[in-house]
Protein backbone atom coordinates (compact mmCIF):
# COMPACT_ATOMS: atom_id res chain seq x y z
CA MET A 1 -9.14 3.37 14.70
CA ALA A 2 -7.53 6.45 12.87
CA ASP A 3 -7.94 8.48 16.02
CA ALA A 4 -6.16 5.82 18.16
CA VAL A 5 -3.36 5.67 15.50
CA ASP A 6 -3.17 9.49 15.54
CA ASP A 7 -3.01 9.52 19.28
CA LEU A 8 -0.14 6.78 19.53
CA ALA A 9 1.72 8.63 16.86
CA ALA A 10 1.67 11.93 18.87
CA GLU A 11 2.81 10.09 22.05
CA ALA A 12 5.60 8.51 20.08
CA ILE A 13 6.77 11.59 18.43
CA ALA A 14 6.43 13.63 21.65
CA LEU A 15 8.73 10.94 23.51
CA ALA A 16 11.16 11.15 20.57
CA LEU A 17 11.40 14.84 20.37
CA LEU A 18 11.89 14.93 24.23
CA GLU A 19 14.74 12.48 23.81
CA ALA A 20 16.36 14.44 21.01
CA SER A 21 16.03 17.66 22.85
CA ALA A 22 17.78 16.33 25.96
CA GLU A 23 20.69 15.08 23.70
CA ALA A 24 20.85 18.29 22.01
CA ILE A 25 21.08 20.23 25.37
CA ASP A 26 23.66 17.82 26.63
CA ALA A 27 25.76 18.14 23.51
CA TRP A 28 25.61 21.71 22.70
CA PRO A 29 27.74 23.65 21.98
CA ASP A 30 30.65 21.36 20.82
CA VAL A 31 32.68 21.12 17.58
CA GLU A 32 30.56 18.15 16.14
CA SER A 33 27.42 19.99 16.69
CA THR A 34 28.72 23.27 15.22
CA ASN A 35 30.05 21.75 12.12
CA ALA A 36 27.00 19.55 11.59
CA LEU A 37 24.67 22.57 12.13
CA ASN A 38 26.60 24.79 9.60
CA LEU A 39 26.46 22.01 6.99
CA ALA A 40 22.70 21.14 7.65
CA VAL A 41 21.80 24.94 7.30
CA CYS A 42 23.57 25.10 3.98
CA ALA A 43 22.12 21.85 2.83
CA GLY A 44 18.70 23.07 3.67
CA ALA A 45 19.07 26.39 1.85
CA LEU A 46 20.34 24.50 -1.31
CA TYR A 47 17.44 22.03 -1.07
CA SER A 48 14.97 24.85 -0.66
CA ALA A 49 16.42 26.80 -3.64
CA VAL A 50 16.30 23.68 -5.93
CA ALA A 51 12.85 22.57 -4.95
CA ILE A 52 11.13 26.06 -5.00
CA ARG A 53 12.71 26.97 -8.35
CA LEU A 54 11.74 23.61 -10.08
CA HIS A 55 8.11 24.51 -8.78
CA GLN A 56 8.27 28.05 -10.20
CA LEU A 57 9.41 26.51 -13.54
CA PHE A 58 6.35 24.26 -13.61
CA GLU A 59 8.52 21.10 -13.19
CA THR A 60 6.39 19.69 -10.33
CA GLY A 61 3.31 17.66 -10.87
CA GLY A 62 0.03 16.66 -9.78
CA TYR A 63 1.68 13.31 -8.81
CA ASP A 64 2.97 13.81 -6.08
CA LEU A 65 3.04 17.50 -5.08
CA GLY A 66 -0.60 18.29 -5.99
CA ILE A 67 -1.84 15.18 -4.06
CA PHE A 68 0.09 15.92 -0.86
CA GLY A 69 -1.10 19.48 -1.08
CA GLN A 70 -4.66 18.40 -1.15
CA TYR A 71 -4.09 16.06 1.85
CA ALA A 72 -2.54 18.90 3.77
CA LYS A 73 -5.32 21.21 2.78
CA ALA A 74 -8.02 18.70 3.91
CA LEU A 75 -6.32 18.20 7.26
CA ALA A 76 -5.95 21.84 7.84
CA GLN A 77 -9.79 22.25 7.31
CA GLY A 78 -10.51 19.30 9.69
CA HIS A 79 -11.48 17.00 7.18
CA ALA A 80 -10.37 13.52 6.30
CA PRO A 81 -7.27 13.52 4.30
CA THR A 82 -8.63 13.11 0.75
CA SER A 83 -7.24 13.93 -2.68
CA PRO A 84 -9.60 14.83 -5.68
CA TYR A 85 -6.70 14.57 -7.84
CA ARG A 86 -6.76 10.93 -7.40
CA ALA A 87 -10.38 10.58 -8.19
CA LYS A 88 -10.80 8.31 -11.08
CA GLY A 89 -11.80 4.81 -11.86
CA THR A 90 -13.56 3.23 -8.59
CA ASP A 91 -12.50 6.31 -6.75
CA LEU A 92 -14.48 8.79 -9.00
CA THR A 93 -16.02 10.94 -6.26
CA GLN A 94 -15.89 14.74 -5.53
CA ALA A 95 -13.68 14.31 -2.41
CA GLY A 96 -11.53 11.60 -3.99
CA PRO A 97 -9.96 8.60 -2.15
CA ASN A 98 -8.73 8.69 1.41
CA LEU A 99 -4.99 8.75 2.09
CA PHE A 100 -5.26 5.44 3.87
CA SER A 101 -6.74 3.61 1.09
CA ASP A 102 -3.38 4.28 -0.76
CA HIS A 103 -0.67 4.22 1.77
CA PHE A 104 -0.55 4.04 5.58
CA SER A 105 1.26 7.39 6.48
CA PRO A 106 -0.23 8.88 9.72
CA ILE A 107 2.84 11.10 9.89
CA LEU A 108 1.33 13.12 7.24
CA GLY A 109 -1.20 14.46 9.99
CA VAL A 110 1.51 17.04 10.84
CA LEU A 111 0.91 18.63 7.60
CA GLY A 112 -2.50 19.87 8.66
CA PRO A 113 -1.34 22.35 11.20
CA VAL A 114 1.47 23.53 8.85
CA ASP A 115 -0.91 24.17 6.04
CA ARG A 116 -3.29 25.96 8.46
CA LEU A 117 -0.55 28.39 9.38
CA VAL A 118 0.97 28.73 5.80
CA PRO A 119 -1.80 27.55 3.27
CA HIS A 120 0.65 27.27 0.38
CA VAL A 121 1.79 24.13 -1.53
CA GLU A 122 5.35 25.47 -1.67
CA VAL A 123 5.47 24.90 2.17
CA LEU A 124 5.51 21.27 1.63
CA LEU A 125 8.65 21.59 -0.24
CA LEU A 126 10.18 23.62 2.42
CA VAL A 127 9.28 21.03 4.92
CA GLN A 128 10.83 18.28 2.91
CA ALA A 129 14.16 20.37 2.68
CA ALA A 130 13.98 20.89 6.43
CA LEU A 131 13.47 17.24 7.22
CA THR A 132 16.34 16.27 4.99
CA ALA A 133 18.56 18.91 6.31
CA TRP A 134 17.73 17.55 9.89
CA SER A 135 19.07 14.08 8.56
CA VAL A 136 22.21 15.82 7.32
CA TYR A 137 22.80 17.21 10.81
CA VAL A 138 22.37 13.80 12.51
CA VAL A 139 24.69 11.99 10.05
CA THR A 140 27.40 14.74 10.18
CA ARG A 141 27.32 14.87 14.00
CA CYS A 142 27.54 11.02 14.20
CA ALA A 143 30.41 10.86 11.77
CA THR A 144 32.38 13.81 13.32
CA LYS A 145 32.07 12.50 16.74
CA ARG A 146 33.56 9.20 15.67
CA LEU A 147 36.04 10.23 12.91
CA GLY A 148 36.98 13.79 13.85
CA SER A 149 35.88 17.06 12.42
CA ARG A 150 37.61 16.74 8.97
CA SER A 151 36.68 13.21 8.12
CA GLY A 152 33.12 13.43 9.63
CA THR A 153 32.26 16.71 7.94
CA ALA A 154 33.51 15.09 4.61
CA ILE A 155 31.20 12.14 5.13
CA GLY A 156 28.27 14.60 5.96
CA ALA A 157 28.84 16.69 2.89
CA ALA A 158 28.94 13.29 0.81
CA TYR A 159 25.50 12.40 2.43
CA ALA A 160 24.07 15.81 1.75
CA LEU A 161 25.04 15.66 -1.85
CA SER A 162 24.31 11.99 -2.42
CA TRP A 163 22.28 11.09 -5.60
CA GLY A 164 19.47 9.56 -3.71
CA ILE A 165 18.97 12.74 -1.60
CA GLN A 166 19.06 14.84 -4.67
CA GLN A 167 16.50 12.64 -6.45
CA LEU A 168 14.25 13.15 -3.49
CA ILE A 169 14.63 16.93 -3.50
CA GLY A 170 14.21 17.08 -7.35
CA PHE A 171 10.91 15.20 -7.31
CA ASP A 172 8.06 17.05 -5.78
CA PHE A 173 7.26 16.10 -2.06
CA HIS A 174 7.06 12.59 -0.59
CA GLU A 175 6.42 11.13 2.90
CA VAL A 176 9.81 9.36 2.83
CA ALA A 177 11.23 12.67 3.83
CA PHE A 178 10.10 11.99 7.31
CA ALA A 179 11.92 8.65 7.29
CA LEU A 180 15.30 10.44 6.78
CA PRO A 181 15.66 11.89 10.38
CA PHE A 182 13.96 9.06 12.02
CA ILE A 183 16.32 6.38 10.54
CA SER A 184 19.44 8.65 10.99
CA LEU A 185 18.58 9.04 14.60
CA ALA A 186 17.83 5.38 15.09
CA ILE A 187 21.23 4.37 13.71
CA ALA A 188 23.17 7.14 15.43
CA ALA A 189 21.60 5.82 18.74
CA TYR A 190 22.33 2.34 17.86
CA LEU A 191 26.06 3.30 17.34
CA ASP A 192 26.03 5.10 20.61
CA GLY A 193 24.72 2.03 22.37
CA ARG A 194 21.39 3.64 23.52
CA PHE A 195 19.34 0.90 22.12
CA ARG A 196 15.94 1.88 23.69
CA ALA A 197 16.33 5.35 22.11
CA ALA A 198 17.20 3.76 18.74
CA ALA A 199 14.17 1.57 19.00
CA ILE A 200 11.89 4.59 19.58
CA TRP A 201 13.20 6.32 16.57
CA ALA A 202 12.98 3.17 14.63
CA ALA A 203 9.41 2.60 15.58
CA LEU A 204 8.51 6.11 14.40
CA LEU A 205 9.30 4.71 10.92
CA LEU A 206 6.04 2.77 11.10
CA LEU A 207 4.31 5.99 10.82
CA VAL A 208 5.83 6.95 7.46
CA LYS A 209 4.80 4.06 5.30
CA GLU A 210 3.68 0.48 5.38
CA ASP A 211 7.04 -0.90 3.82
CA MET A 212 8.81 0.52 6.77
CA GLY A 213 7.61 -2.54 8.80
CA LEU A 214 10.21 -4.85 7.26
CA THR A 215 13.04 -2.33 7.90
CA VAL A 216 11.93 -2.07 11.56
CA PHE A 217 12.11 -5.82 11.90
CA VAL A 218 15.59 -5.95 10.56
CA PHE A 219 16.53 -3.11 13.09
CA GLY A 220 15.20 -5.30 15.78
CA VAL A 221 17.53 -8.05 14.62
CA LEU A 222 20.45 -5.83 14.85
CA ILE A 223 19.58 -4.89 18.33
CA GLY A 224 19.05 -8.45 19.30
CA ARG A 225 22.31 -9.34 20.58
CA ARG A 226 22.66 -6.09 22.78
CA ASP A 227 19.11 -5.59 24.03
CA PRO A 228 16.99 -8.65 23.50
CA ARG A 229 14.01 -7.39 25.14
CA THR A 230 13.79 -4.23 23.09
CA ALA A 231 14.64 -6.13 19.98
CA ARG A 232 11.58 -8.66 20.47
CA VAL A 233 9.40 -5.42 20.63
CA LEU A 234 10.68 -4.17 17.28
CA CYS A 235 10.58 -7.64 15.62
CA VAL A 236 6.94 -8.15 16.53
CA LEU A 237 5.93 -4.50 16.17
CA GLY A 238 7.28 -3.92 12.67
CA PRO A 239 5.51 -6.99 10.75
CA LEU A 240 2.39 -6.47 12.88
CA VAL A 241 1.78 -2.90 11.82
CA MET A 242 2.72 -3.59 8.27
CA VAL A 243 0.13 -6.39 8.15
CA VAL A 244 -2.50 -4.05 9.59
CA ALA A 245 -1.70 -1.06 7.39
CA LEU A 246 -1.89 -3.39 4.27
CA SER A 247 -5.29 -4.80 5.36
CA ILE A 248 -6.83 -1.13 5.49
CA SER A 249 -5.26 0.00 2.31
CA THR A 250 -4.94 -1.18 -1.36
CA SER A 251 -1.04 -0.78 -1.43
CA ARG A 252 1.21 -3.81 -1.86
CA VAL A 253 4.76 -4.19 -0.77
CA GLY A 254 6.62 -5.31 -3.73
CA GLY A 255 6.02 -8.73 -5.66
CA PHE A 256 6.11 -11.04 -2.49
CA SER A 257 2.92 -12.90 -3.04
CA ALA A 258 3.90 -13.75 -6.67
CA LEU A 259 7.29 -15.15 -5.50
CA LEU A 260 5.44 -17.42 -3.06
CA ALA A 261 3.98 -19.15 -5.81
CA GLN A 262 7.19 -19.17 -7.68
CA PRO A 263 10.13 -19.01 -5.19
CA TYR A 264 12.63 -20.00 -7.88
CA ALA A 265 12.06 -16.74 -9.72
CA ILE A 266 13.64 -14.63 -6.89
CA PHE A 267 17.06 -14.60 -8.34
CA ILE A 268 16.00 -13.59 -11.70
CA LYS A 269 13.73 -10.94 -10.13
CA LEU A 270 16.73 -9.51 -8.05
CA LEU A 271 19.30 -9.49 -11.01
CA PHE A 272 17.35 -8.57 -14.13
CA PRO A 273 16.80 -6.28 -15.92
CA PRO A 274 20.41 -4.88 -15.49
CA VAL A 275 19.08 -1.49 -14.05
CA LYS A 276 18.71 -3.22 -10.88
CA LEU A 277 22.47 -4.07 -10.79
CA LEU A 278 23.13 -0.29 -11.60
CA THR A 279 21.07 0.67 -8.55
CA VAL A 280 22.99 -1.73 -6.30
CA SER A 281 26.31 -0.48 -7.65
CA MET A 282 25.42 3.26 -7.14
CA LEU A 283 24.71 2.08 -3.47
CA LEU A 284 28.16 0.46 -2.90
CA LEU A 285 30.38 2.96 -4.88
CA PRO A 286 29.84 6.02 -2.57
CA THR A 287 31.40 4.19 0.23
CA ALA A 288 33.82 2.21 -1.84
CA PHE A 289 32.13 -1.05 -0.93
CA LEU A 290 33.19 -0.47 2.84
CA MET A 291 29.53 -0.24 4.12
CA LEU A 292 29.49 -4.00 3.75
CA ARG A 293 31.62 -4.40 6.57
CA SER A 294 28.92 -3.11 8.90
CA PRO A 295 25.85 -4.98 10.04
CA ILE A 296 23.82 -1.71 9.59
CA ALA A 297 24.12 -2.43 5.85
CA LEU A 298 21.40 -5.08 6.38
CA LEU A 299 18.96 -2.31 6.61
CA VAL A 300 18.92 -1.67 2.87
CA VAL A 301 17.72 -5.24 2.28
CA PRO A 302 14.01 -4.83 2.83
CA THR A 303 13.72 -1.69 0.73
CA LEU A 304 15.75 -3.43 -2.19
CA LEU A 305 13.61 -6.71 -1.90
CA TRP A 306 10.31 -5.09 -2.23
CA ARG A 307 11.42 -2.76 -4.98
CA PHE A 308 13.15 -5.39 -7.00
CA THR A 309 10.39 -8.01 -6.65
CA ALA A 310 7.70 -5.48 -7.82
CA ASP A 311 6.52 -5.43 -11.46
CA THR A 312 6.82 -1.51 -11.57
CA PRO A 313 9.97 -0.35 -13.52
CA SER A 314 10.17 2.92 -11.98
CA TYR A 315 11.10 1.08 -8.58
CA TRP A 316 14.20 -0.55 -10.02
CA GLY A 317 16.25 2.35 -11.08
CA LEU A 318 17.92 5.56 -9.71
CA GLY A 319 14.96 7.76 -10.55
CA PHE A 320 12.40 9.46 -8.26
CA HIS A 321 12.59 9.43 -4.46
CA TYR A 322 12.79 5.57 -3.90
CA SER A 323 16.41 5.43 -2.80
CA ALA A 324 16.54 8.40 -0.48
CA VAL A 325 15.78 6.28 2.69
CA LEU A 326 18.71 4.14 1.80
CA MET A 327 21.28 7.01 1.80
CA PRO A 328 21.46 7.57 5.72
CA ILE A 329 21.94 3.72 6.00
CA ILE A 330 24.95 3.49 3.65
CA PHE A 331 26.81 6.47 5.09
CA LEU A 332 26.39 5.57 8.69
CA ALA A 333 27.24 2.12 7.79
CA MET A 334 30.42 3.60 6.46
CA VAL A 335 31.05 5.43 9.71
CA ASP A 336 30.69 2.20 11.62
CA SER A 337 33.02 0.46 9.35
CA LEU A 338 35.74 3.17 9.59
CA THR A 339 35.49 2.87 13.34
CA THR A 340 35.86 -0.85 13.41
CA PRO A 341 39.33 -2.55 13.39
CA PRO A 342 41.39 -3.02 10.99
CA GLN A 343 39.63 -0.38 8.89
CA ARG A 344 40.04 2.59 11.18
CA TRP A 345 43.27 3.79 9.65
CA LEU A 346 41.33 4.54 6.54
CA ALA A 347 39.26 7.18 8.50
CA GLY A 348 42.33 9.54 8.77
CA ARG A 349 43.43 9.02 5.22
CA ARG A 350 41.45 9.67 1.94
CA LEU A 351 38.19 7.58 2.02
CA PRO A 352 35.86 10.19 3.60
CA GLN A 353 37.28 12.70 1.24
CA LEU A 354 37.01 10.26 -1.78
CA ALA A 355 33.40 9.77 -0.77
CA MET A 356 32.78 13.59 -0.77
CA GLY A 357 34.53 13.72 -4.12
CA PHE A 358 32.28 11.08 -5.58
CA ALA A 359 29.18 12.86 -4.51
CA ILE A 360 30.43 16.13 -5.95
CA ALA A 361 31.37 14.49 -9.26
CA THR A 362 27.93 12.84 -9.61
CA CYS A 363 26.00 16.17 -9.07
CA ALA A 364 26.63 16.71 -12.77
CA LEU A 365 24.04 13.84 -13.31
CA PHE A 366 21.32 14.88 -10.73
CA PRO A 367 19.21 17.76 -9.82
CA ILE A 368 21.56 19.95 -7.98
CA ASN A 369 23.62 20.61 -11.11
CA THR A 370 20.77 22.77 -12.33
CA LEU A 371 21.81 25.56 -9.87
CA ALA A 372 24.87 26.18 -11.88
CA LYS A 373 22.90 26.59 -15.22
CA PRO A 374 22.07 30.22 -16.06
CA SER A 375 18.95 29.00 -17.82
CA PHE A 376 17.73 27.75 -14.37
CA TRP A 377 17.44 31.16 -13.11
CA HIS A 378 15.80 32.56 -16.30
CA THR A 379 11.98 32.19 -16.39
CA PRO A 380 11.18 30.82 -19.82
CA ALA A 381 8.12 31.64 -21.90
CA TYR A 382 6.35 28.41 -21.29
CA ALA A 383 6.35 29.12 -17.36
CA ARG A 384 5.07 32.54 -17.84
CA ASP A 385 2.16 31.25 -20.24
CA ALA A 386 1.50 28.51 -17.75
CA GLN A 387 1.19 31.07 -14.89
CA GLN A 388 -1.26 33.06 -16.98
CA ALA A 389 -3.45 29.96 -17.51
CA VAL A 390 -3.37 29.41 -13.74
CA ASN A 391 -4.39 32.95 -13.07
CA HIS A 392 -7.44 32.45 -15.28
CA ILE A 393 -8.89 29.85 -12.91
CA PRO A 394 -11.20 31.53 -10.17
CA LYS A 395 -11.00 30.69 -6.66
CA ASN A 396 -13.04 27.82 -5.48
CA ALA A 397 -13.46 26.45 -8.92
CA LEU A 398 -13.93 22.78 -9.72
CA VAL A 399 -11.10 22.21 -12.34
CA ALA A 400 -9.56 19.36 -14.20
CA ALA A 401 -5.91 20.11 -14.84
CA SER A 402 -2.85 18.71 -16.41
CA GLY A 403 -0.28 17.43 -14.19
CA ASP A 404 2.15 20.32 -14.43
CA LEU A 405 -0.58 22.77 -13.74
CA ALA A 406 -2.31 20.84 -10.87
CA PRO A 407 0.03 21.75 -8.05
CA HIS A 408 -0.20 25.49 -8.84
CA LEU A 409 -3.83 25.28 -8.50
CA VAL A 410 -4.47 23.26 -5.25
CA ASP A 411 -4.22 26.29 -2.99
CA LYS A 412 -7.22 28.12 -4.57
CA ALA A 413 -9.35 25.49 -6.38
CA THR A 414 -10.50 21.87 -6.15
CA VAL A 415 -8.37 20.14 -8.73
CA TYR A 416 -9.11 16.87 -10.55
CA PRO A 417 -7.21 14.89 -13.09
CA LEU A 418 -7.76 15.22 -16.74
CA VAL A 419 -8.71 11.78 -17.73
CA THR A 420 -11.98 11.21 -19.55
CA ILE A 421 -15.01 13.41 -20.70
CA ASP A 422 -17.28 11.01 -18.58
CA ALA A 423 -15.32 11.96 -15.34
CA ILE A 424 -15.57 15.67 -16.33
CA ASN A 425 -19.25 15.32 -16.58
CA THR A 426 -19.87 13.13 -13.69
CA LEU A 427 -17.94 15.36 -11.26
CA HIS A 428 -19.77 18.40 -12.83
CA LEU A 429 -16.45 20.16 -13.51
CA SER A 430 -16.73 23.64 -15.07
CA TRP A 431 -13.25 24.43 -15.72
CA LEU A 432 -10.37 22.91 -17.63
CA ALA A 433 -6.69 23.88 -17.54
CA ILE A 434 -4.73 22.12 -20.14
CA ASP A 435 -1.08 21.72 -21.24
CA THR A 436 -1.45 20.55 -24.78
CA GLY A 437 2.23 19.84 -24.81
CA ASP A 438 1.69 17.16 -22.22
CA PRO A 439 2.65 13.77 -23.80
CA ALA A 440 -0.70 12.31 -22.66
CA ILE A 441 -2.56 14.75 -24.93
CA ALA A 442 -0.43 13.27 -27.94
CA THR A 443 -1.87 9.73 -27.58
CA PRO A 444 -4.96 8.51 -29.37
CA THR A 445 -6.89 8.73 -25.92
CA GLY A 446 -5.62 12.24 -25.43
CA ARG A 447 -6.60 13.29 -28.90
CA LEU A 448 -10.00 11.62 -28.45
CA LEU A 449 -10.38 13.44 -25.05
CA MET A 450 -9.66 16.94 -26.59
CA HIS A 451 -12.23 16.25 -29.50
CA GLN A 452 -14.74 15.28 -26.78
CA ILE A 453 -14.20 18.45 -24.89
CA GLY A 454 -14.78 20.47 -27.99
CA ASP A 455 -18.06 18.81 -28.56
CA SER A 456 -19.29 19.30 -24.77
CA GLY A 457 -20.04 22.94 -24.75
CA PHE A 458 -16.78 24.11 -23.21
CA ARG A 459 -15.61 27.62 -24.44
CA GLU A 460 -11.78 28.60 -24.68
CA ILE A 461 -11.03 31.69 -22.78
CA PHE A 462 -7.29 31.54 -22.73
CA SER A 463 -4.72 30.07 -25.26
CA LYS A 464 -1.03 30.83 -25.33
CA GLY A 465 2.12 28.89 -25.73
CA GLY A 466 0.17 25.43 -25.65
CA PHE A 467 -1.75 26.18 -22.55
CA VAL A 468 -5.57 26.34 -22.76
CA VAL A 469 -8.24 27.42 -20.27
CA LEU A 470 -11.90 26.29 -21.10
CA VAL A 471 -15.04 26.84 -19.15
CA ARG A 472 -18.66 25.86 -19.35
CA PRO A 473 -20.81 29.02 -20.21
CA GLN A 474 -23.00 28.53 -17.21
CA ALA A 475 -20.03 28.60 -14.86
CA GLU A 476 -18.78 31.75 -16.57
CA GLU A 477 -22.11 33.50 -16.13
CA SER A 478 -22.59 32.58 -12.42
CA PRO A 479 -21.47 35.23 -9.84
């Protein structure tokens, strides 16, 4: 089944890229394309600088950069996409669980050839920056074509600096980065009246993650009044792929099953705790609520539904990468609203500039603001000590590592999580790389683990700045 999915994915991607290439050739060069390309290049450079520097400062983690680095490495070697760093509990094996046991993300197959060409985990951060910059190009070109160079570029800049995009760039790597150009291209094609092209780009979202099935369904509903036949395909395909994906993985989309048992609880789930209202407000404020005039705004509903009905607090707020996929929707919905009477007059006035101003102002609260801090460009002692700890781990070692050290080790070693002494012994791990400043080590469970490690024959070979490297004597003696 995996081979069939990969073949279908390859065909779909090829068709979509041919479509995009034809559009680019027809459109190039024009003012819209030039402005969009310039902004996208600047945004890509900005994203790359932030992401790479955060990694150099050991601000990335085993979840998620280390895990995706292991997926890419396995695919590059022609193996199933597995992650030893997720080996724990029922998945406690040398290889670790398969990617598809967690999420349905066939699009990650493209990382294999990338890792084979450049086998460094930092490349994933650059891939994410490039995908996001691609979406900046699409959003900006769509906006400038409809609103003119000044207003369109302002909206493109507002999107490029939007808080959801910044949170994605500031948090490791995630497959949602692939969704950004796909959904941007789908909406842009929809606004152009090219509904079959829009459907192809929307269908590619199904390769990103299982929850995209609901978004594809809503996209089909939007197309329904213009191209019923194409709409029916999306309305069937989206939920069908989602159901199949959920049947072969352990993931769940929100808390829908619990709500079926208690449907009266949905309003409480959607409104409380108040952090959910903050998230909704931060989606509405960048466009001054104008996005609500466009039917495109309906595309935010599936993502907000599964996030707000879930019992995982990290899904509800502004943190991490969860809102990134909503950013193209709200800004292209704004473009649609500004080109629909009677709001068109606002496009030539101040609203696009206000959207850009809001994005710039909120930069102070999100990752890009670190670029302006001198300390961001100074390598502190803890980063130098962490790098020394990483350097003490030999190539091809089996090592359990703290989260901040893990992504720096995946290129040269097989990295596992630092969980229990039983897991360390079961997996026959000979090396440990530990950040004793990790909050998990300060817990009773963490202190117990450190005590058990001390009683298990490991010998300390490096200790500096709270970073410790230990080895079993027999591993140290082996050639």
